[in-house]
């Protein structure tokens, strides 16, 4: 599955602007069937997990 956003900044922006939602909720909204797959792809694209990214910002 491809990321729904063409750029890293667009994807990071979605995570940043949806802080009231869990990572699992965001993954589901983006069409991922498995949370672990979403986390793995996010880390491959950004270098950090979604939770690590949130903690940095």
PDB file of N, CA and C in Angstrom:
ATOM      1  N   UNK A   1       0.843  -1.190   0.000  1.00  0.00           N
ATOM      2  CA  UNK A   1       0.000   0.000   0.000  1.00  0.00           C
ATOM      3  C   UNK A   1       0.879   1.241   0.000  1.00  0.00           C
ATOM      4  N   UNK A   2       0.550   2.186  -0.818  1.00  0.00           N
ATOM      5  CA  UNK A   2       1.276   3.449  -0.874  1.00  0.00           C
ATOM      6  C   UNK A   2       0.733   4.415   0.169  1.00  0.00           C
ATOM      7  N   UNK A   3       1.572   5.312   0.613  1.00  0.00           N
ATOM      8  CA  UNK A   3       1.131   6.342   1.540  1.00  0.00           C
ATOM      9  C   UNK A   3       0.125   7.223   0.827  1.00  0.00           C
ATOM     10  N   UNK A   4      -0.888   7.678   1.529  1.00  0.00           N
ATOM     11  CA  UNK A   4      -1.911   8.498   0.890  1.00  0.00           C
ATOM     12  C   UNK A   4      -1.446   9.910   0.575  1.00  0.00           C
ATOM     13  N   UNK A   5      -0.268  10.252   1.033  1.00  0.00           N
ATOM     14  CA  UNK A   5       0.267  11.579   0.775  1.00  0.00           C
ATOM     15  C   UNK A   5       1.538  11.434  -0.044  1.00  0.00           C
ATOM     16  N   UNK A   6       1.719  12.321  -0.997  1.00  0.00           N
ATOM     17  CA  UNK A   6       2.877  12.237  -1.869  1.00  0.00           C
ATOM     18  C   UNK A   6       4.174  12.655  -1.216  1.00  0.00           C
ATOM     19  N   UNK A   7       4.093  13.470  -0.187  1.00  0.00           N
ATOM     20  CA  UNK A   7       5.314  13.969   0.425  1.00  0.00           C
ATOM     21  C   UNK A   7       5.338  13.666   1.908  1.00  0.00           C
ATOM     22  N   UNK A   8       6.528  13.615   2.448  1.00  0.00           N
ATOM     23  CA  UNK A   8       6.676  13.387   3.887  1.00  0.00           C
ATOM     24  C   UNK A   8       6.038  14.508   4.681  1.00  0.00           C
ATOM     25  N   UNK A   9       6.202  15.735   4.223  1.00  0.00           N
ATOM     26  CA  UNK A   9       5.671  16.877   4.970  1.00  0.00           C
ATOM     27  C   UNK A   9       4.153  16.829   5.048  1.00  0.00           C
ATOM     28  N   UNK A  10       3.481  16.384   3.989  1.00  0.00           N
ATOM     29  CA  UNK A  10       2.026  16.267   4.010  1.00  0.00           C
ATOM     30  C   UNK A  10       1.569  15.221   5.012  1.00  0.00           C
ATOM     31  N   UNK A  11       2.289  14.117   5.065  1.00  0.00           N
ATOM     32  CA  UNK A  11       1.943  13.044   5.982  1.00  0.00           C
ATOM     33  C   UNK A  11       2.196  13.465   7.422  1.00  0.00           C
ATOM     34  N   UNK A  12       3.326  14.093   7.663  1.00  0.00           N
ATOM     35  CA  UNK A  12       3.648  14.580   9.010  1.00  0.00           C
ATOM     36  C   UNK A  12       2.632  15.613   9.457  1.00  0.00           C
ATOM     37  N   UNK A  13       2.200  16.437   8.542  1.00  0.00           N
ATOM     38  CA  UNK A  13       1.214  17.463   8.860  1.00  0.00           C
ATOM     39  C   UNK A  13      -0.088  16.825   9.322  1.00  0.00           C
ATOM     40  N   UNK A  14      -0.494  15.744   8.675  1.00  0.00           N
ATOM     41  CA  UNK A  14      -1.728  15.061   9.060  1.00  0.00           C
ATOM     42  C   UNK A  14      -1.619  14.528  10.491  1.00  0.00           C
ATOM     43  N   UNK A  15      -0.492  13.934  10.827  1.00  0.00           N
ATOM     44  CA  UNK A  15      -0.277  13.412  12.185  1.00  0.00           C
ATOM     45  C   UNK A  15      -0.287  14.560  13.194  1.00  0.00           C
ATOM     46  N   UNK A  16       0.386  15.645  12.856  1.00  0.00           N
ATOM     47  CA  UNK A  16       0.493  16.790  13.758  1.00  0.00           C
ATOM     48  C   UNK A  16      -0.856  17.450  14.009  1.00  0.00           C
ATOM     49  N   UNK A  17      -1.678  17.569  12.989  1.00  0.00           N
ATOM     50  CA  UNK A  17      -2.955  18.264  13.130  1.00  0.00           C
ATOM     51  C   UNK A  17      -4.072  17.396  13.694  1.00  0.00           C
ATOM     52  N   UNK A  18      -3.807  16.135  13.922  1.00  0.00           N
ATOM     53  CA  UNK A  18      -4.813  15.232  14.479  1.00  0.00           C
ATOM     54  C   UNK A  18      -4.357  14.666  15.818  1.00  0.00           C
ATOM     55  N   UNK A  19      -3.875  15.545  16.690  1.00  0.00           N
ATOM     56  CA  UNK A  19      -3.344  15.106  17.983  1.00  0.00           C
ATOM     57  C   UNK A  19      -4.423  14.562  18.909  1.00  0.00           C
ATOM     58  N   UNK A  20      -5.678  14.892  18.643  1.00  0.00           N
ATOM     59  CA  UNK A  20      -6.760  14.390  19.482  1.00  0.00           C
ATOM     60  C   UNK A  20      -7.130  12.950  19.147  1.00  0.00           C
ATOM     61  N   UNK A  21      -6.576  12.423  18.063  1.00  0.00           N
ATOM     62  CA  UNK A  21      -6.862  11.052  17.634  1.00  0.00           C
ATOM     63  C   UNK A  21      -5.673  10.152  17.942  1.00  0.00           C
ATOM     64  N   UNK A  22      -5.975   8.896  18.197  1.00  0.00           N
ATOM     65  CA  UNK A  22      -4.902   7.931  18.413  1.00  0.00           C
ATOM     66  C   UNK A  22      -4.245   7.590  17.070  1.00  0.00           C
ATOM     67  N   UNK A  23      -3.057   7.043  17.150  1.00  0.00           N
ATOM     68  CA  UNK A  23      -2.359   6.616  15.939  1.00  0.00           C
ATOM     69  C   UNK A  23      -3.184   5.539  15.234  1.00  0.00           C
ATOM     70  N   UNK A  24      -3.814   4.669  15.997  1.00  0.00           N
ATOM     71  CA  UNK A  24      -4.661   3.620  15.407  1.00  0.00           C
ATOM     72  C   UNK A  24      -5.838   4.234  14.649  1.00  0.00           C
ATOM     73  N   UNK A  25      -6.463   5.255  15.202  1.00  0.00           N
ATOM     74  CA  UNK A  25      -7.572   5.919  14.522  1.00  0.00           C
ATOM     75  C   UNK A  25      -7.110   6.554  13.217  1.00  0.00           C
ATOM     76  N   UNK A  26      -5.969   7.207  13.248  1.00  0.00           N
ATOM     77  CA  UNK A  26      -5.427   7.846  12.049  1.00  0.00           C
ATOM     78  C   UNK A  26      -5.126   6.796  10.985  1.00  0.00           C
ATOM     79  N   UNK A  27      -4.502   5.705  11.391  1.00  0.00           N
ATOM     80  CA  UNK A  27      -4.180   4.636  10.445  1.00  0.00           C
ATOM     81  C   UNK A  27      -5.451   4.115   9.785  1.00  0.00           C
ATOM     82  N   UNK A  28      -6.487   3.906  10.574  1.00  0.00           N
ATOM     83  CA  UNK A  28      -7.750   3.403  10.040  1.00  0.00           C
ATOM     84  C   UNK A  28      -8.357   4.405   9.055  1.00  0.00           C
ATOM     85  N   UNK A  29      -8.347   5.682   9.412  1.00  0.00           N
ATOM     86  CA  UNK A  29      -8.891   6.726   8.532  1.00  0.00           C
ATOM     87  C   UNK A  29      -8.150   6.801   7.207  1.00  0.00           C
ATOM     88  N   UNK A  30      -6.868   6.491   7.236  1.00  0.00           N
ATOM     89  CA  UNK A  30      -6.053   6.541   6.027  1.00  0.00           C
ATOM     90  C   UNK A  30      -6.165   5.262   5.210  1.00  0.00           C
ATOM     91  N   UNK A  31      -6.924   4.301   5.711  1.00  0.00           N
ATOM     92  CA  UNK A  31      -7.173   3.096   4.943  1.00  0.00           C
ATOM     93  C   UNK A  31      -6.263   1.921   5.238  1.00  0.00           C
ATOM     94  N   UNK A  32      -5.497   2.004   6.302  1.00  0.00           N
ATOM     95  CA  UNK A  32      -4.623   0.885   6.655  1.00  0.00           C
ATOM     96  C   UNK A  32      -5.411  -0.155   7.421  1.00  0.00           C
ATOM     97  N   UNK A  33      -5.265  -1.400   7.034  1.00  0.00           N
ATOM     98  CA  UNK A  33      -5.965  -2.490   7.697  1.00  0.00           C
ATOM     99  C   UNK A  33      -5.245  -2.907   8.982  1.00  0.00           C
ATOM    100  N   UNK A  34      -3.942  -2.793   8.980  1.00  0.00           N
ATOM    101  CA  UNK A  34      -3.131  -3.216  10.120  1.00  0.00           C
ATOM    102  C   UNK A  34      -2.297  -2.047  10.642  1.00  0.00           C
ATOM    103  N   UNK A  35      -2.413  -1.778  11.922  1.00  0.00           N
ATOM    104  CA  UNK A  35      -1.685  -0.670  12.553  1.00  0.00           C
ATOM    105  C   UNK A  35      -0.186  -0.834  12.375  1.00  0.00           C
ATOM    106  N   UNK A  36       0.314  -2.043  12.551  1.00  0.00           N
ATOM    107  CA  UNK A  36       1.753  -2.269  12.465  1.00  0.00           C
ATOM    108  C   UNK A  36       2.295  -1.919  11.084  1.00  0.00           C
ATOM    109  N   UNK A  37       1.519  -2.153  10.050  1.00  0.00           N
ATOM    110  CA  UNK A  37       1.943  -1.804   8.690  1.00  0.00           C
ATOM    111  C   UNK A  37       2.055  -0.284   8.547  1.00  0.00           C
ATOM    112  N   UNK A  38       1.084   0.435   9.091  1.00  0.00           N
ATOM    113  CA  UNK A  38       1.117   1.890   9.065  1.00  0.00           C
ATOM    114  C   UNK A  38       2.365   2.415   9.783  1.00  0.00           C
ATOM    115  N   UNK A  39       2.636   1.884  10.961  1.00  0.00           N
ATOM    116  CA  UNK A  39       3.793   2.332  11.739  1.00  0.00           C
ATOM    117  C   UNK A  39       5.089   2.041  10.983  1.00  0.00           C
ATOM    118  N   UNK A  40       5.193   0.859  10.399  1.00  0.00           N
ATOM    119  CA  UNK A  40       6.393   0.481   9.652  1.00  0.00           C
ATOM    120  C   UNK A  40       6.616   1.415   8.461  1.00  0.00           C
ATOM    121  N   UNK A  41       5.556   1.681   7.695  1.00  0.00           N
ATOM    122  CA  UNK A  41       5.683   2.573   6.536  1.00  0.00           C
ATOM    123  C   UNK A  41       6.024   3.999   6.966  1.00  0.00           C
ATOM    124  N   UNK A  42       5.397   4.465   8.026  1.00  0.00           N
ATOM    125  CA  UNK A  42       5.680   5.810   8.520  1.00  0.00           C
ATOM    126  C   UNK A  42       7.154   5.935   8.889  1.00  0.00           C
ATOM    127  N   UNK A  43       7.663   4.928   9.603  1.00  0.00           N
ATOM    128  CA  UNK A  43       9.071   4.967  10.013  1.00  0.00           C
ATOM    129  C   UNK A  43      10.012   4.890   8.814  1.00  0.00           C
ATOM    130  N   UNK A  44       9.655   4.088   7.818  1.00  0.00           N
ATOM    131  CA  UNK A  44      10.481   4.010   6.610  1.00  0.00           C
ATOM    132  C   UNK A  44      10.537   5.354   5.904  1.00  0.00           C
ATOM    133  N   UNK A  45       9.423   6.061   5.864  1.00  0.00           N
ATOM    134  CA  UNK A  45       9.344   7.338   5.149  1.00  0.00           C
ATOM    135  C   UNK A  45       9.925   8.502   5.932  1.00  0.00           C
ATOM    136  N   UNK A  46       9.820   8.452   7.273  1.00  0.00           N
ATOM    137  CA  UNK A  46      10.207   9.622   8.069  1.00  0.00           C
ATOM    138  C   UNK A  46      11.414   9.400   8.967  1.00  0.00           C
ATOM    139  N   UNK A  47      11.732   8.141   9.266  1.00  0.00           N
ATOM    140  CA  UNK A  47      12.860   7.843  10.138  1.00  0.00           C
ATOM    141  C   UNK A  47      12.480   7.671  11.598  1.00  0.00           C
ATOM    142  N   UNK A  48      11.234   7.946  11.937  1.00  0.00           N
ATOM    143  CA  UNK A  48      10.751   7.781  13.312  1.00  0.00           C
ATOM    144  C   UNK A  48       9.340   7.192  13.279  1.00  0.00           C
ATOM    145  N   UNK A  49       8.901   6.632  14.401  1.00  0.00           N
ATOM    146  CA  UNK A  49       7.536   6.124  14.475  1.00  0.00           C
ATOM    147  C   UNK A  49       6.576   7.299  14.645  1.00  0.00           C
ATOM    148  N   UNK A  50       5.286   7.091  14.399  1.00  0.00           N
ATOM    149  CA  UNK A  50       4.326   8.179  14.595  1.00  0.00           C
ATOM    150  C   UNK A  50       4.344   8.749  16.023  1.00  0.00           C
ATOM    151  N   UNK A  51       4.444   7.877  17.024  1.00  0.00           N
ATOM    152  CA  UNK A  51       4.500   8.368  18.409  1.00  0.00           C
ATOM    153  C   UNK A  51       5.775   9.155  18.677  1.00  0.00           C
ATOM    154  N   UNK A  52       6.900   8.695  18.169  1.00  0.00           N
ATOM    155  CA  UNK A  52       8.144   9.439  18.328  1.00  0.00           C
ATOM    156  C   UNK A  52       8.028  10.796  17.665  1.00  0.00           C
ATOM    157  N   UNK A  53       7.402  10.829  16.490  1.00  0.00           N
ATOM    158  CA  UNK A  53       7.218  12.095  15.789  1.00  0.00           C
ATOM    159  C   UNK A  53       6.374  13.060  16.609  1.00  0.00           C
ATOM    160  N   UNK A  54       5.298  12.569  17.174  1.00  0.00           N
ATOM    161  CA  UNK A  54       4.440  13.426  18.014  1.00  0.00           C
ATOM    162  C   UNK A  54       5.207  13.963  19.213  1.00  0.00           C
ATOM    163  N   UNK A  55       6.016  13.122  19.838  1.00  0.00           N
ATOM    164  CA  UNK A  55       6.775  13.559  21.010  1.00  0.00           C
ATOM    165  C   UNK A  55       7.838  14.598  20.670  1.00  0.00           C
ATOM    166  N   UNK A  56       8.312  14.580  19.452  1.00  0.00           N
ATOM    167  CA  UNK A  56       9.315  15.563  19.026  1.00  0.00           C
ATOM    168  C   UNK A  56       8.691  16.926  18.725  1.00  0.00           C
ATOM    169  N   UNK A  57       7.398  16.948  18.467  1.00  0.00           N
ATOM    170  CA  UNK A  57       6.738  18.189  18.074  1.00  0.00           C
ATOM    171  C   UNK A  57       5.855  18.726  19.138  1.00  0.00           C
TER     172      UNK A  57
END
